[in-house]
Amino acid sequence: MEGDWPGTVVIIEFPDLGAIRAWYASAAYQSILELRTDNIPGDVIVVDGVGPDYHPRMTAAKLRDALLSDVR
């Protein structure tokens, strides 16, 4: 509702916090981390506790619809 939103959201699901921490620290991700940080402005946000009925695709669609309704 306030500030500028760049219009891009990437949502990745992991089974638990340990899995995301292992992925982030992995040699594979660390080897490409600079490609992301040097070329894509953004923040990484980790959210713990979404329920089994959470659907990232639906959340992304709602965010996209909200952004587009502001543009119209």
C-alpha atoms as a PDB file:
ATOM      1  CA  MET A   1       0.000   0.000   0.000  1.00  0.00           C
ATOM      2  CA  GLU A   2       3.003   2.254   0.413  1.00  0.00           C
ATOM      3  CA  GLY A   3       6.290   2.574  -1.400  1.00  0.00           C
ATOM      4  CA  ASP A   4       7.399   1.165  -4.729  1.00  0.00           C
ATOM      5  CA  TRP A   5       7.057  -2.490  -5.589  1.00  0.00           C
ATOM      6  CA  PRO A   6       9.274  -3.709  -8.433  1.00  0.00           C
ATOM      7  CA  GLY A   7       6.561  -6.095  -9.617  1.00  0.00           C
ATOM      8  CA  THR A   8       8.506  -9.331  -9.343  1.00  0.00           C
ATOM      9  CA  VAL A   9       7.916 -12.048  -6.771  1.00  0.00           C
ATOM     10  CA  VAL A  10       9.578 -15.441  -6.701  1.00  0.00           C
ATOM     11  CA  ILE A  11       8.141 -17.957  -4.259  1.00  0.00           C
ATOM     12  CA  ILE A  12      10.008 -21.192  -3.587  1.00  0.00           C
ATOM     13  CA  GLU A  13       8.633 -23.870  -1.297  1.00  0.00           C
ATOM     14  CA  PHE A  14      10.851 -25.921   1.017  1.00  0.00           C
ATOM     15  CA  PRO A  15       9.777 -28.620   3.454  1.00  0.00           C
ATOM     16  CA  ASP A  16      11.300 -26.810   6.457  1.00  0.00           C
ATOM     17  CA  LEU A  17      13.785 -24.156   7.569  1.00  0.00           C
ATOM     18  CA  GLY A  18      16.642 -26.656   7.637  1.00  0.00           C
ATOM     19  CA  ALA A  19      16.076 -27.447   3.975  1.00  0.00           C
ATOM     20  CA  ILE A  20      16.148 -23.801   2.899  1.00  0.00           C
ATOM     21  CA  ARG A  21      19.267 -23.131   4.951  1.00  0.00           C
ATOM     22  CA  ALA A  22      20.961 -26.173   3.390  1.00  0.00           C
ATOM     23  CA  TRP A  23      19.946 -25.020  -0.097  1.00  0.00           C
ATOM     24  CA  TYR A  24      21.172 -21.474   0.504  1.00  0.00           C
ATOM     25  CA  ALA A  25      24.517 -22.686   1.873  1.00  0.00           C
ATOM     26  CA  SER A  26      24.958 -25.319  -0.841  1.00  0.00           C
ATOM     27  CA  ALA A  27      27.947 -25.103  -3.146  1.00  0.00           C
ATOM     28  CA  ALA A  28      25.576 -25.127  -6.144  1.00  0.00           C
ATOM     29  CA  TYR A  29      23.639 -22.035  -5.008  1.00  0.00           C
ATOM     30  CA  GLN A  30      26.673 -20.225  -3.666  1.00  0.00           C
ATOM     31  CA  SER A  31      28.356 -20.665  -7.060  1.00  0.00           C
ATOM     32  CA  ILE A  32      25.550 -18.682  -8.762  1.00  0.00           C
ATOM     33  CA  LEU A  33      24.662 -16.295  -5.924  1.00  0.00           C
ATOM     34  CA  GLU A  34      26.640 -13.422  -7.450  1.00  0.00           C
ATOM     35  CA  LEU A  35      24.704 -13.797 -10.700  1.00  0.00           C
ATOM     36  CA  ARG A  36      21.508 -13.097  -8.760  1.00  0.00           C
ATOM     37  CA  THR A  37      22.814 -10.358  -6.484  1.00  0.00           C
ATOM     38  CA  ASP A  38      24.706  -8.555  -9.258  1.00  0.00           C
ATOM     39  CA  ASN A  39      21.828  -8.650 -11.750  1.00  0.00           C
ATOM     40  CA  ILE A  40      18.543  -8.796  -9.848  1.00  0.00           C
ATOM     41  CA  PRO A  41      17.751  -6.284  -7.125  1.00  0.00           C
ATOM     42  CA  GLY A  42      15.735  -7.834  -4.344  1.00  0.00           C
ATOM     43  CA  ASP A  43      15.529  -9.366  -0.943  1.00  0.00           C
ATOM     44  CA  VAL A  44      15.309 -12.939   0.237  1.00  0.00           C
ATOM     45  CA  ILE A  45      12.570 -13.456   2.789  1.00  0.00           C
ATOM     46  CA  VAL A  46      12.047 -16.746   4.601  1.00  0.00           C
ATOM     47  CA  VAL A  47       8.597 -17.431   6.026  1.00  0.00           C
ATOM     48  CA  ASP A  48       8.138 -20.310   8.424  1.00  0.00           C
ATOM     49  CA  GLY A  49       4.835 -21.909   9.154  1.00  0.00           C
ATOM     50  CA  VAL A  50       2.625 -21.795   6.114  1.00  0.00           C
ATOM     51  CA  GLY A  51      -0.020 -24.488   6.378  1.00  0.00           C
ATOM     52  CA  PRO A  52      -0.565 -27.501   4.166  1.00  0.00           C
ATOM     53  CA  ASP A  53      -3.299 -25.649   2.242  1.00  0.00           C
ATOM     54  CA  TYR A  54      -0.912 -22.872   1.170  1.00  0.00           C
ATOM     55  CA  HIS A  55      -0.428 -22.721  -2.601  1.00  0.00           C
ATOM     56  CA  PRO A  56       2.438 -20.505  -3.807  1.00  0.00           C
ATOM     57  CA  ARG A  57       0.974 -20.301  -7.303  1.00  0.00           C
ATOM     58  CA  MET A  58      -2.294 -18.881  -5.937  1.00  0.00           C
ATOM     59  CA  THR A  59      -0.406 -16.418  -3.729  1.00  0.00           C
ATOM     60  CA  ALA A  60       1.631 -15.245  -6.715  1.00  0.00           C
ATOM     61  CA  ALA A  61      -1.573 -14.834  -8.763  1.00  0.00           C
ATOM     62  CA  LYS A  62      -3.168 -12.730  -6.001  1.00  0.00           C
ATOM     63  CA  LEU A  63      -0.065 -10.526  -5.768  1.00  0.00           C
ATOM     64  CA  ARG A  64       0.011 -10.139  -9.556  1.00  0.00           C
ATOM     65  CA  ASP A  65      -3.721  -9.278  -9.664  1.00  0.00           C
ATOM     66  CA  ALA A  66      -3.295  -6.688  -6.908  1.00  0.00           C
ATOM     67  CA  LEU A  67      -0.380  -5.107  -8.738  1.00  0.00           C
ATOM     68  CA  LEU A  68      -2.272  -5.033 -12.039  1.00  0.00           C
ATOM     69  CA  SER A  69      -5.374  -3.532 -10.430  1.00  0.00           C
ATOM     70  CA  ASP A  70      -3.218  -0.634  -9.199  1.00  0.00           C
ATOM     71  CA  VAL A  71      -1.943  -0.067 -12.752  1.00  0.00           C
ATOM     72  CA  ARG A  72      -5.417  -0.079 -14.347  1.00  0.00           C
END
